[in-house]
Amino acid sequence: MNDSFVSIIIPCRNEEKYIAKCLETILSQDYPKERTEVLVVDGMSEDKTREIVGDYLKKYPFIKLLDNPKKFTNFAFNTGIKEAKGEIIMLMGAHAGYEKDYVSKCVRYLNEYDADNVGGVMKTLPSKNTLIAEAIAYCLSHPFGAGNSYFRIGSNEPRWVDTVFGGCYKKKVFDKIGLFNENLLRSQDMELNLRLKKAGGKILLVPDIVNYYYPKATLREFLKHNFSDGVWAVYPLKFGLHFFSFRHFIPLIFILMLPVVFWPYALISLLFSLRIAMKKKDIRLFFVMPLVFAARHFGYGTGSIWGLIKLAED
């Protein structure tokens, strides 16, 4: 399998700020280029994304640009998988960067552990050089913001998990369980990995496989993103799907019990914020982190409530 042909699929839309950085980290991979193809599946970007990718196409024949007229990520994944020539499918995000051994390690561990999907840990970095962007990155790397999501908070050793970021799959997995659910505009990776596990598949998280993720940079964008995540934690019930764990519903329970839990929550948030501020030696974080944690929890929780309202309306 170390000689396997690898198809890297990158869904994107309006990623002019990040797509070049992503492609450069892929070009720096130590996996042989003659056994690699890169499929950038673009959701009809309205910025300079396609122009930037076009410049790479002229230099590197193994990079291809595919159209995704339906724009959403689930359609992009399926378009890429159908076009892929590789025995191994790697799903990568345009909003991320990758260590130079990312591909080779994914392929090696896929073979060594006889896994069906392999992924690594996500090191979240600020998208901008601002205090808020820095605080958002800390939030998504902390158990109070990310729960027990090991690909976010890290792990000391390889472990079998429910899902990973992106993922390196044996292509035959998709022949066995099907493609991504096109009803799901978010969380489609979690639903697919649940199907994979129910079919007897194994998903491996390896801590020395490293990628770098750049989240939303402003409090407003972060709140909006978490609200959408909350909606899609509940709305898949419309399609008879339930694939989230209990931790994904904690923000919903928190909002419903807000009059009872507000002050204990505030105290815990301040405590974690103080610890982060002391660890990073920046007292400003003590005042900013509670706002970011609140955007994470209130956004997700109110989004889940909106998801329930949409279910009732449908």
C-alpha atoms as a PDB file:
ATOM      1  CA  MET A   1       0.000   0.000   0.000  1.00  0.00           C
ATOM      2  CA  ASN A   2       3.026   2.275   0.359  1.00  0.00           C
ATOM      3  CA  ASP A   3       3.095   2.279  -3.458  1.00  0.00           C
ATOM      4  CA  SER A   4      -0.560   3.243  -3.651  1.00  0.00           C
ATOM      5  CA  PHE A   5      -1.828   6.014  -5.865  1.00  0.00           C
ATOM      6  CA  VAL A   6      -3.338   8.747  -3.678  1.00  0.00           C
ATOM      7  CA  SER A   7      -6.134  11.111  -4.712  1.00  0.00           C
ATOM      8  CA  ILE A   8      -6.262  14.285  -2.606  1.00  0.00           C
ATOM      9  CA  ILE A   9      -9.646  16.012  -2.704  1.00  0.00           C
ATOM     10  CA  ILE A  10      -9.925  19.653  -1.640  1.00  0.00           C
ATOM     11  CA  PRO A  11     -13.410  21.204  -1.594  1.00  0.00           C
ATOM     12  CA  CYS A  12     -13.348  24.991  -1.638  1.00  0.00           C
ATOM     13  CA  ARG A  13     -15.394  28.098  -2.262  1.00  0.00           C
ATOM     14  CA  ASN A  14     -14.123  31.675  -2.027  1.00  0.00           C
ATOM     15  CA  GLU A  15     -10.828  30.649  -0.422  1.00  0.00           C
ATOM     16  CA  GLU A  16      -8.506  33.163  -2.085  1.00  0.00           C
ATOM     17  CA  LYS A  17      -6.821  33.882   1.254  1.00  0.00           C
ATOM     18  CA  TYR A  18      -5.989  30.254   2.006  1.00  0.00           C
ATOM     19  CA  ILE A  19      -5.964  28.053  -1.119  1.00  0.00           C
ATOM     20  CA  ALA A  20      -2.386  28.913  -2.142  1.00  0.00           C
ATOM     21  CA  LYS A  21      -1.085  28.216   1.368  1.00  0.00           C
ATOM     22  CA  CYS A  22      -2.939  24.879   1.353  1.00  0.00           C
ATOM     23  CA  LEU A  23      -1.584  23.865  -2.058  1.00  0.00           C
ATOM     24  CA  GLU A  24       1.960  24.829  -1.105  1.00  0.00           C
ATOM     25  CA  THR A  25       1.868  22.484   1.897  1.00  0.00           C
ATOM     26  CA  ILE A  26       0.586  19.721  -0.386  1.00  0.00           C
ATOM     27  CA  LEU A  27       3.346  20.377  -2.913  1.00  0.00           C
ATOM     28  CA  SER A  28       5.878  20.061  -0.086  1.00  0.00           C
ATOM     29  CA  GLN A  29       4.686  16.541   0.800  1.00  0.00           C
ATOM     30  CA  ASP A  30       7.349  13.827   0.801  1.00  0.00           C
ATOM     31  CA  TYR A  31       4.983  11.338  -0.846  1.00  0.00           C
ATOM     32  CA  PRO A  32       5.956  10.738  -4.524  1.00  0.00           C
ATOM     33  CA  LYS A  33       4.243  13.199  -6.857  1.00  0.00           C
ATOM     34  CA  GLU A  34       4.007  10.544  -9.600  1.00  0.00           C
ATOM     35  CA  ARG A  35       1.672   8.608  -7.299  1.00  0.00           C
ATOM     36  CA  THR A  36      -0.440  11.611  -6.363  1.00  0.00           C
ATOM     37  CA  GLU A  37      -3.253  13.641  -7.886  1.00  0.00           C
ATOM     38  CA  VAL A  38      -4.822  16.743  -6.371  1.00  0.00           C
ATOM     39  CA  LEU A  39      -8.468  17.435  -7.189  1.00  0.00           C
ATOM     40  CA  VAL A  40      -9.567  20.941  -6.195  1.00  0.00           C
ATOM     41  CA  VAL A  41     -13.364  20.910  -6.304  1.00  0.00           C
ATOM     42  CA  ASP A  42     -14.533  24.496  -6.451  1.00  0.00           C
ATOM     43  CA  GLY A  43     -18.038  25.631  -5.528  1.00  0.00           C
ATOM     44  CA  MET A  44     -18.075  28.294  -8.257  1.00  0.00           C
ATOM     45  CA  SER A  45     -16.027  30.808  -6.285  1.00  0.00           C
ATOM     46  CA  GLU A  46     -16.733  34.486  -6.814  1.00  0.00           C
ATOM     47  CA  ASP A  47     -13.335  35.723  -5.642  1.00  0.00           C
ATOM     48  CA  LYS A  48      -9.866  34.930  -7.041  1.00  0.00           C
ATOM     49  CA  THR A  49      -9.795  31.290  -5.921  1.00  0.00           C
ATOM     50  CA  ARG A  50     -10.176  29.829  -9.412  1.00  0.00           C
ATOM     51  CA  GLU A  51      -7.575  32.214 -10.811  1.00  0.00           C
ATOM     52  CA  ILE A  52      -5.085  31.205  -8.124  1.00  0.00           C
ATOM     53  CA  VAL A  53      -5.724  27.492  -8.681  1.00  0.00           C
ATOM     54  CA  GLY A  54      -5.405  28.084 -12.422  1.00  0.00           C
ATOM     55  CA  ASP A  55      -1.842  29.319 -11.927  1.00  0.00           C
ATOM     56  CA  TYR A  56      -0.988  26.036 -10.189  1.00  0.00           C
ATOM     57  CA  LEU A  57      -2.597  23.995 -12.977  1.00  0.00           C
ATOM     58  CA  LYS A  58      -0.139  25.489 -15.470  1.00  0.00           C
ATOM     59  CA  LYS A  59       2.853  24.398 -13.376  1.00  0.00           C
ATOM     60  CA  TYR A  60       1.718  21.067 -11.942  1.00  0.00           C
ATOM     61  CA  PRO A  61      -0.165  18.637 -14.228  1.00  0.00           C
ATOM     62  CA  PHE A  62      -1.209  16.431 -11.295  1.00  0.00           C
ATOM     63  CA  ILE A  63      -3.402  19.262  -9.939  1.00  0.00           C
ATOM     64  CA  LYS A  64      -6.883  19.466 -11.473  1.00  0.00           C
ATOM     65  CA  LEU A  65      -9.799  21.865 -11.003  1.00  0.00           C
ATOM     66  CA  LEU A  66     -13.316  20.409 -10.898  1.00  0.00           C
ATOM     67  CA  ASP A  67     -16.594  22.331 -10.771  1.00  0.00           C
ATOM     68  CA  ASN A  68     -19.117  21.976  -7.976  1.00  0.00           C
ATOM     69  CA  PRO A  69     -22.188  23.924  -9.181  1.00  0.00           C
ATOM     70  CA  LYS A  70     -24.149  22.888  -6.069  1.00  0.00           C
ATOM     71  CA  LYS A  71     -21.499  24.694  -3.995  1.00  0.00           C
ATOM     72  CA  PHE A  72     -21.700  22.695  -0.735  1.00  0.00           C
ATOM     73  CA  THR A  73     -18.970  20.449   0.665  1.00  0.00           C
ATOM     74  CA  ASN A  74     -20.877  17.160   0.520  1.00  0.00           C
ATOM     75  CA  PHE A  75     -21.355  17.536  -3.251  1.00  0.00           C
ATOM     76  CA  ALA A  76     -17.678  18.473  -3.617  1.00  0.00           C
ATOM     77  CA  PHE A  77     -16.538  15.329  -1.813  1.00  0.00           C
ATOM     78  CA  ASN A  78     -18.743  13.127  -3.986  1.00  0.00           C
ATOM     79  CA  THR A  79     -17.621  14.828  -7.189  1.00  0.00           C
ATOM     80  CA  GLY A  80     -13.998  14.289  -6.222  1.00  0.00           C
ATOM     81  CA  ILE A  81     -14.458  10.647  -5.192  1.00  0.00           C
ATOM     82  CA  LYS A  82     -16.186   9.821  -8.483  1.00  0.00           C
ATOM     83  CA  GLU A  83     -13.323  11.392 -10.450  1.00  0.00           C
ATOM     84  CA  ALA A  84     -10.521   9.993  -8.283  1.00  0.00           C
ATOM     85  CA  LYS A  85      -8.094   7.482  -9.762  1.00  0.00           C
ATOM     86  CA  GLY A  86      -6.406   6.516  -6.507  1.00  0.00           C
ATOM     87  CA  GLU A  87      -6.795   3.422  -4.342  1.00  0.00           C
ATOM     88  CA  ILE A  88      -6.568   5.846  -1.426  1.00  0.00           C
ATOM     89  CA  ILE A  89      -8.738   8.934  -1.011  1.00  0.00           C
ATOM     90  CA  MET A  90      -7.545  11.828   1.143  1.00  0.00           C
ATOM     91  CA  LEU A  91      -9.972  14.572   2.100  1.00  0.00           C
ATOM     92  CA  MET A  92      -8.284  17.864   2.886  1.00  0.00           C
ATOM     93  CA  GLY A  93      -9.592  21.309   3.761  1.00  0.00           C
ATOM     94  CA  ALA A  94      -8.628  24.483   1.925  1.00  0.00           C
ATOM     95  CA  HIS A  95      -8.652  26.304   5.280  1.00  0.00           C
ATOM     96  CA  ALA A  96      -5.768  24.169   6.529  1.00  0.00           C
ATOM     97  CA  GLY A  97      -2.084  23.376   6.083  1.00  0.00           C
ATOM     98  CA  TYR A  98      -0.246  20.078   6.445  1.00  0.00           C
ATOM     99  CA  GLU A  99       3.106  18.823   7.706  1.00  0.00           C
ATOM    100  CA  LYS A 100       5.310  17.507   4.879  1.00  0.00           C
ATOM    101  CA  ASP A 101       4.902  13.878   6.019  1.00  0.00           C
ATOM    102  CA  TYR A 102       1.121  14.119   6.397  1.00  0.00           C
ATOM    103  CA  VAL A 103       0.258  12.028   3.327  1.00  0.00           C
ATOM    104  CA  SER A 104       3.011   9.457   3.766  1.00  0.00           C
ATOM    105  CA  LYS A 105       2.166   8.877   7.431  1.00  0.00           C
ATOM    106  CA  CYS A 106      -1.560   8.547   6.706  1.00  0.00           C
ATOM    107  CA  VAL A 107      -0.817   5.925   4.047  1.00  0.00           C
ATOM    108  CA  ARG A 108       1.658   4.090   6.297  1.00  0.00           C
ATOM    109  CA  TYR A 109      -0.671   3.912   9.295  1.00  0.00           C
ATOM    110  CA  LEU A 110      -3.596   2.931   7.087  1.00  0.00           C
ATOM    111  CA  ASN A 111      -1.512  -0.102   6.127  1.00  0.00           C
ATOM    112  CA  GLU A 112       0.112  -0.891   9.479  1.00  0.00           C
ATOM    113  CA  TYR A 113      -3.126  -0.824  11.488  1.00  0.00           C
ATOM    114  CA  ASP A 114      -5.328  -2.221   8.696  1.00  0.00           C
ATOM    115  CA  ALA A 115      -7.597   0.781   9.242  1.00  0.00           C
ATOM    116  CA  ASP A 116     -10.295   2.043   6.884  1.00  0.00           C
ATOM    117  CA  ASN A 117      -9.801   5.719   7.695  1.00  0.00           C
ATOM    118  CA  VAL A 118      -6.827   7.470   9.288  1.00  0.00           C
ATOM    119  CA  GLY A 119      -6.447  11.050  10.467  1.00  0.00           C
ATOM    120  CA  GLY A 120      -4.271  13.152  12.726  1.00  0.00           C
ATOM    121  CA  VAL A 121      -4.481  15.933  15.258  1.00  0.00           C
ATOM    122  CA  MET A 122      -5.536  19.434  14.328  1.00  0.00           C
ATOM    123  CA  LYS A 123      -3.409  22.282  15.608  1.00  0.00           C
ATOM    124  CA  THR A 124      -5.631  25.330  15.493  1.00  0.00           C
ATOM    125  CA  LEU A 125      -3.849  28.577  14.621  1.00  0.00           C
ATOM    126  CA  PRO A 126      -5.154  32.164  14.563  1.00  0.00           C
ATOM    127  CA  SER A 127      -6.411  33.255  11.154  1.00  0.00           C
ATOM    128  CA  LYS A 128      -5.296  36.832  11.807  1.00  0.00           C
ATOM    129  CA  ASN A 129      -2.850  38.585  14.076  1.00  0.00           C
ATOM    130  CA  THR A 130      -5.566  39.826  16.439  1.00  0.00           C
ATOM    131  CA  LEU A 131      -6.458  39.081  20.046  1.00  0.00           C
ATOM    132  CA  ILE A 132      -9.903  37.732  19.104  1.00  0.00           C
ATOM    133  CA  ALA A 133      -8.484  35.414  16.428  1.00  0.00           C
ATOM    134  CA  GLU A 134      -5.928  34.157  18.938  1.00  0.00           C
ATOM    135  CA  ALA A 135      -8.632  33.543  21.555  1.00  0.00           C
ATOM    136  CA  ILE A 136     -10.784  31.619  19.045  1.00  0.00           C
ATOM    137  CA  ALA A 137      -7.840  29.336  18.290  1.00  0.00           C
ATOM    138  CA  TYR A 138      -7.321  28.682  22.016  1.00  0.00           C
ATOM    139  CA  CYS A 139     -11.037  27.998  22.489  1.00  0.00           C
ATOM    140  CA  LEU A 140     -11.076  25.306  19.796  1.00  0.00           C
ATOM    141  CA  SER A 141      -8.011  23.629  21.301  1.00  0.00           C
ATOM    142  CA  HIS A 142      -9.325  23.543  24.873  1.00  0.00           C
ATOM    143  CA  PRO A 143     -11.622  20.870  26.370  1.00  0.00           C
ATOM    144  CA  PHE A 144     -14.052  23.587  27.518  1.00  0.00           C
ATOM    145  CA  GLY A 145     -14.459  24.633  23.886  1.00  0.00           C
ATOM    146  CA  ALA A 146     -13.914  21.322  22.086  1.00  0.00           C
ATOM    147  CA  GLY A 147     -15.091  18.714  24.609  1.00  0.00           C
ATOM    148  CA  ASN A 148     -13.418  15.323  24.243  1.00  0.00           C
ATOM    149  CA  SER A 149     -12.856  15.675  20.500  1.00  0.00           C
ATOM    150  CA  TYR A 150      -9.404  14.075  20.358  1.00  0.00           C
ATOM    151  CA  PHE A 151      -8.479  15.386  16.931  1.00  0.00           C
ATOM    152  CA  ARG A 152      -8.851  18.893  18.401  1.00  0.00           C
ATOM    153  CA  ILE A 153      -7.432  18.506  21.918  1.00  0.00           C
ATOM    154  CA  GLY A 154      -4.822  15.889  21.005  1.00  0.00           C
ATOM    155  CA  SER A 155      -3.914  12.394  22.151  1.00  0.00           C
ATOM    156  CA  ASN A 156      -0.791  10.772  23.613  1.00  0.00           C
ATOM    157  CA  GLU A 157      -1.019   7.648  21.464  1.00  0.00           C
ATOM    158  CA  PRO A 158      -2.827   6.228  18.421  1.00  0.00           C
ATOM    159  CA  ARG A 159      -6.441   5.419  19.262  1.00  0.00           C
ATOM    160  CA  TRP A 160      -9.589   4.140  17.589  1.00  0.00           C
ATOM    161  CA  VAL A 161     -12.144   6.952  17.359  1.00  0.00           C
ATOM    162  CA  ASP A 162     -15.550   7.836  15.879  1.00  0.00           C
ATOM    163  CA  THR A 163     -14.304  10.454  13.419  1.00  0.00           C
ATOM    164  CA  VAL A 164     -11.234  12.432  12.352  1.00  0.00           C
ATOM    165  CA  PHE A 165     -10.594  15.698  10.549  1.00  0.00           C
ATOM    166  CA  GLY A 166     -10.572  15.157   6.782  1.00  0.00           C
ATOM    167  CA  GLY A 167      -9.478  11.559   6.674  1.00  0.00           C
ATOM    168  CA  CYS A 168      -7.465   9.152   4.571  1.00  0.00           C
ATOM    169  CA  TYR A 169      -9.747   6.373   3.293  1.00  0.00           C
ATOM    170  CA  LYS A 170      -9.327   3.204   1.328  1.00  0.00           C
ATOM    171  CA  LYS A 171     -11.371   3.903  -1.790  1.00  0.00           C
ATOM    172  CA  LYS A 172     -13.123   0.540  -1.483  1.00  0.00           C
ATOM    173  CA  VAL A 173     -14.806   1.968   1.636  1.00  0.00           C
ATOM    174  CA  PHE A 174     -17.016   4.115  -0.594  1.00  0.00           C
ATOM    175  CA  ASP A 175     -17.886   1.120  -2.782  1.00  0.00           C
ATOM    176  CA  LYS A 176     -19.017  -0.641   0.387  1.00  0.00           C
ATOM    177  CA  ILE A 177     -20.955   2.036   2.280  1.00  0.00           C
ATOM    178  CA  GLY A 178     -21.718   4.613  -0.424  1.00  0.00           C
ATOM    179  CA  LEU A 179     -20.807   8.279  -0.809  1.00  0.00           C
ATOM    180  CA  PHE A 180     -21.505  11.290   1.407  1.00  0.00           C
ATOM    181  CA  ASN A 181     -25.142  11.994   2.234  1.00  0.00           C
ATOM    182  CA  GLU A 182     -26.175  14.879  -0.017  1.00  0.00           C
ATOM    183  CA  ASN A 183     -29.025  15.867   2.304  1.00  0.00           C
ATOM    184  CA  LEU A 184     -26.473  17.027   4.866  1.00  0.00           C
ATOM    185  CA  LEU A 185     -24.959  20.429   4.175  1.00  0.00           C
ATOM    186  CA  ARG A 186     -22.900  20.141   7.389  1.00  0.00           C
ATOM    187  CA  SER A 187     -21.606  17.239   9.491  1.00  0.00           C
ATOM    188  CA  GLN A 188     -21.606  14.923   6.479  1.00  0.00           C
ATOM    189  CA  ASP A 189     -18.229  13.500   7.545  1.00  0.00           C
ATOM    190  CA  MET A 190     -19.565  12.403  10.931  1.00  0.00           C
ATOM    191  CA  GLU A 191     -22.532  10.653   9.335  1.00  0.00           C
ATOM    192  CA  LEU A 192     -20.301   8.863   6.824  1.00  0.00           C
ATOM    193  CA  ASN A 193     -17.912   7.697   9.550  1.00  0.00           C
ATOM    194  CA  LEU A 194     -20.849   6.392  11.577  1.00  0.00           C
ATOM    195  CA  ARG A 195     -21.924   4.328   8.571  1.00  0.00           C
ATOM    196  CA  LEU A 196     -18.366   3.125   8.221  1.00  0.00           C
ATOM    197  CA  LYS A 197     -18.206   1.960  11.847  1.00  0.00           C
ATOM    198  CA  LYS A 198     -21.608   0.287  11.646  1.00  0.00           C
ATOM    199  CA  ALA A 199     -20.307  -1.635   8.630  1.00  0.00           C
ATOM    200  CA  GLY A 200     -17.371  -2.888  10.714  1.00  0.00           C
ATOM    201  CA  GLY A 201     -14.873  -0.254   9.573  1.00  0.00           C
ATOM    202  CA  LYS A 202     -12.098   1.115  11.796  1.00  0.00           C
ATOM    203  CA  ILE A 203     -11.089   4.780  12.186  1.00  0.00           C
ATOM    204  CA  LEU A 204      -7.662   5.590  13.586  1.00  0.00           C
ATOM    205  CA  LEU A 205      -6.389   8.839  15.102  1.00  0.00           C
ATOM    206  CA  VAL A 206      -2.581   9.163  15.115  1.00  0.00           C
ATOM    207  CA  PRO A 207      -1.088  12.079  17.108  1.00  0.00           C
ATOM    208  CA  ASP A 208       2.089  12.406  15.026  1.00  0.00           C
ATOM    209  CA  ILE A 209       0.027  13.108  11.896  1.00  0.00           C
ATOM    210  CA  VAL A 210      -0.370  16.880  12.067  1.00  0.00           C
ATOM    211  CA  ASN A 211      -2.421  19.463  10.221  1.00  0.00           C
ATOM    212  CA  TYR A 212      -2.961  23.146  10.914  1.00  0.00           C
ATOM    213  CA  TYR A 213      -6.427  24.671  10.842  1.00  0.00           C
ATOM    214  CA  TYR A 214      -7.332  28.354  10.535  1.00  0.00           C
ATOM    215  CA  PRO A 215     -10.778  29.057  12.044  1.00  0.00           C
ATOM    216  CA  LYS A 216     -12.991  32.117  11.764  1.00  0.00           C
ATOM    217  CA  ALA A 217     -11.187  35.276  12.806  1.00  0.00           C
ATOM    218  CA  THR A 218     -13.927  37.499  14.249  1.00  0.00           C
ATOM    219  CA  LEU A 219     -16.401  36.981  17.063  1.00  0.00           C
ATOM    220  CA  ARG A 220     -19.330  37.534  14.697  1.00  0.00           C
ATOM    221  CA  GLU A 221     -18.087  34.954  12.158  1.00  0.00           C
ATOM    222  CA  PHE A 222     -17.300  32.495  14.948  1.00  0.00           C
ATOM    223  CA  LEU A 223     -20.776  32.900  16.479  1.00  0.00           C
ATOM    224  CA  LYS A 224     -22.423  32.419  13.073  1.00  0.00           C
ATOM    225  CA  HIS A 225     -20.361  29.299  12.361  1.00  0.00           C
ATOM    226  CA  ASN A 226     -21.248  27.728  15.719  1.00  0.00           C
ATOM    227  CA  PHE A 227     -24.915  28.573  15.226  1.00  0.00           C
ATOM    228  CA  SER A 228     -24.858  26.650  11.937  1.00  0.00           C
ATOM    229  CA  ASP A 229     -23.094  23.725  13.614  1.00  0.00           C
ATOM    230  CA  GLY A 230     -25.829  23.690  16.248  1.00  0.00           C
ATOM    231  CA  VAL A 231     -28.582  23.632  13.621  1.00  0.00           C
ATOM    232  CA  TRP A 232     -26.995  20.632  11.920  1.00  0.00           C
ATOM    233  CA  ALA A 233     -26.592  18.790  15.214  1.00  0.00           C
ATOM    234  CA  VAL A 234     -30.395  18.483  15.292  1.00  0.00           C
ATOM    235  CA  TYR A 235     -31.756  18.981  11.774  1.00  0.00           C
ATOM    236  CA  PRO A 236     -30.469  15.629  10.389  1.00  0.00           C
ATOM    237  CA  LEU A 237     -33.294  14.046  12.396  1.00  0.00           C
ATOM    238  CA  LYS A 238     -35.499  15.227   9.519  1.00  0.00           C
ATOM    239  CA  PHE A 239     -33.845  12.561   7.379  1.00  0.00           C
ATOM    240  CA  GLY A 240     -34.054   9.875  10.056  1.00  0.00           C
ATOM    241  CA  LEU A 241     -30.395  10.342  10.988  1.00  0.00           C
ATOM    242  CA  HIS A 242     -28.981  10.499  14.499  1.00  0.00           C
ATOM    243  CA  PHE A 243     -25.213  10.318  14.591  1.00  0.00           C
ATOM    244  CA  PHE A 244     -24.092  12.863  17.175  1.00  0.00           C
ATOM    245  CA  SER A 245     -22.795  11.918  20.606  1.00  0.00           C
ATOM    246  CA  PHE A 246     -24.101  13.336  23.881  1.00  0.00           C
ATOM    247  CA  ARG A 247     -21.419  16.070  23.963  1.00  0.00           C
ATOM    248  CA  HIS A 248     -22.932  17.672  20.855  1.00  0.00           C
ATOM    249  CA  PHE A 249     -26.198  18.240  22.732  1.00  0.00           C
ATOM    250  CA  ILE A 250     -24.655  19.742  25.869  1.00  0.00           C
ATOM    251  CA  PRO A 251     -24.940  23.330  24.495  1.00  0.00           C
ATOM    252  CA  LEU A 252     -28.640  22.716  23.784  1.00  0.00           C
ATOM    253  CA  ILE A 253     -29.197  21.450  27.336  1.00  0.00           C
ATOM    254  CA  PHE A 254     -27.189  24.402  28.609  1.00  0.00           C
ATOM    255  CA  ILE A 255     -29.443  26.920  26.854  1.00  0.00           C
ATOM    256  CA  LEU A 256     -32.616  25.181  28.051  1.00  0.00           C
ATOM    257  CA  MET A 257     -31.336  25.215  31.655  1.00  0.00           C
ATOM    258  CA  LEU A 258     -29.703  28.645  31.455  1.00  0.00           C
ATOM    259  CA  PRO A 259     -31.471  30.201  34.497  1.00  0.00           C
ATOM    260  CA  VAL A 260     -30.133  27.374  36.670  1.00  0.00           C
ATOM    261  CA  VAL A 261     -26.633  26.944  35.272  1.00  0.00           C
ATOM    262  CA  PHE A 262     -25.655  30.483  34.302  1.00  0.00           C
ATOM    263  CA  TRP A 263     -23.587  31.402  37.358  1.00  0.00           C
ATOM    264  CA  PRO A 264     -21.756  28.059  37.647  1.00  0.00           C
ATOM    265  CA  TYR A 265     -21.047  28.311  33.910  1.00  0.00           C
ATOM    266  CA  ALA A 266     -19.758  31.866  34.260  1.00  0.00           C
ATOM    267  CA  LEU A 267     -17.471  30.840  37.115  1.00  0.00           C
ATOM    268  CA  ILE A 268     -16.037  27.880  35.169  1.00  0.00           C
ATOM    269  CA  SER A 269     -15.557  30.039  32.086  1.00  0.00           C
ATOM    270  CA  LEU A 270     -13.668  32.656  34.097  1.00  0.00           C
ATOM    271  CA  LEU A 271     -11.511  29.969  35.713  1.00  0.00           C
ATOM    272  CA  PHE A 272     -10.475  28.467  32.379  1.00  0.00           C
ATOM    273  CA  SER A 273      -9.960  31.941  30.928  1.00  0.00           C
ATOM    274  CA  LEU A 274      -7.639  32.815  33.811  1.00  0.00           C
ATOM    275  CA  ARG A 275      -5.630  29.631  33.298  1.00  0.00           C
ATOM    276  CA  ILE A 276      -5.249  30.338  29.590  1.00  0.00           C
ATOM    277  CA  ALA A 277      -4.256  33.946  30.261  1.00  0.00           C
ATOM    278  CA  MET A 278      -1.626  32.823  32.783  1.00  0.00           C
ATOM    279  CA  LYS A 279      -0.297  30.065  30.509  1.00  0.00           C
ATOM    280  CA  LYS A 280      -0.008  32.432  27.551  1.00  0.00           C
ATOM    281  CA  LYS A 281       1.203  35.286  29.772  1.00  0.00           C
ATOM    282  CA  ASP A 282      -1.359  37.696  28.356  1.00  0.00           C
ATOM    283  CA  ILE A 283      -3.829  39.098  30.887  1.00  0.00           C
ATOM    284  CA  ARG A 284      -6.015  40.433  28.059  1.00  0.00           C
ATOM    285  CA  LEU A 285      -7.118  36.859  27.363  1.00  0.00           C
ATOM    286  CA  PHE A 286      -8.810  36.726  30.769  1.00  0.00           C
ATOM    287  CA  PHE A 287     -11.303  39.317  29.535  1.00  0.00           C
ATOM    288  CA  VAL A 288     -11.652  38.021  25.964  1.00  0.00           C
ATOM    289  CA  MET A 289     -11.831  34.235  26.444  1.00  0.00           C
ATOM    290  CA  PRO A 290     -15.229  34.314  28.263  1.00  0.00           C
ATOM    291  CA  LEU A 291     -16.729  36.097  25.219  1.00  0.00           C
ATOM    292  CA  VAL A 292     -15.260  33.517  22.851  1.00  0.00           C
ATOM    293  CA  PHE A 293     -16.384  30.566  24.983  1.00  0.00           C
ATOM    294  CA  ALA A 294     -19.855  32.122  25.108  1.00  0.00           C
ATOM    295  CA  ALA A 295     -19.904  32.508  21.310  1.00  0.00           C
ATOM    296  CA  ARG A 296     -19.019  28.834  21.058  1.00  0.00           C
ATOM    297  CA  HIS A 297     -21.607  27.568  23.549  1.00  0.00           C
ATOM    298  CA  PHE A 298     -24.464  30.049  23.069  1.00  0.00           C
ATOM    299  CA  GLY A 299     -24.060  29.938  19.287  1.00  0.00           C
ATOM    300  CA  TYR A 300     -24.179  26.152  19.169  1.00  0.00           C
ATOM    301  CA  GLY A 301     -26.993  25.914  21.724  1.00  0.00           C
ATOM    302  CA  THR A 302     -29.272  28.494  20.089  1.00  0.00           C
ATOM    303  CA  GLY A 303     -28.520  26.906  16.710  1.00  0.00           C
ATOM    304  CA  SER A 304     -29.733  23.575  18.062  1.00  0.00           C
ATOM    305  CA  ILE A 305     -32.942  25.214  19.253  1.00  0.00           C
ATOM    306  CA  TRP A 306     -33.431  26.716  15.789  1.00  0.00           C
ATOM    307  CA  GLY A 307     -32.851  23.259  14.337  1.00  0.00           C
ATOM    308  CA  LEU A 308     -35.648  21.899  16.546  1.00  0.00           C
ATOM    309  CA  ILE A 309     -37.954  24.724  15.405  1.00  0.00           C
ATOM    310  CA  LYS A 310     -37.202  23.905  11.761  1.00  0.00           C
ATOM    311  CA  LEU A 311     -37.977  20.246  12.441  1.00  0.00           C
ATOM    312  CA  ALA A 312     -41.318  21.206  13.970  1.00  0.00           C
ATOM    313  CA  GLU A 313     -42.156  23.447  10.997  1.00  0.00           C
ATOM    314  CA  ASP A 314     -41.301  20.677   8.517  1.00  0.00           C
END
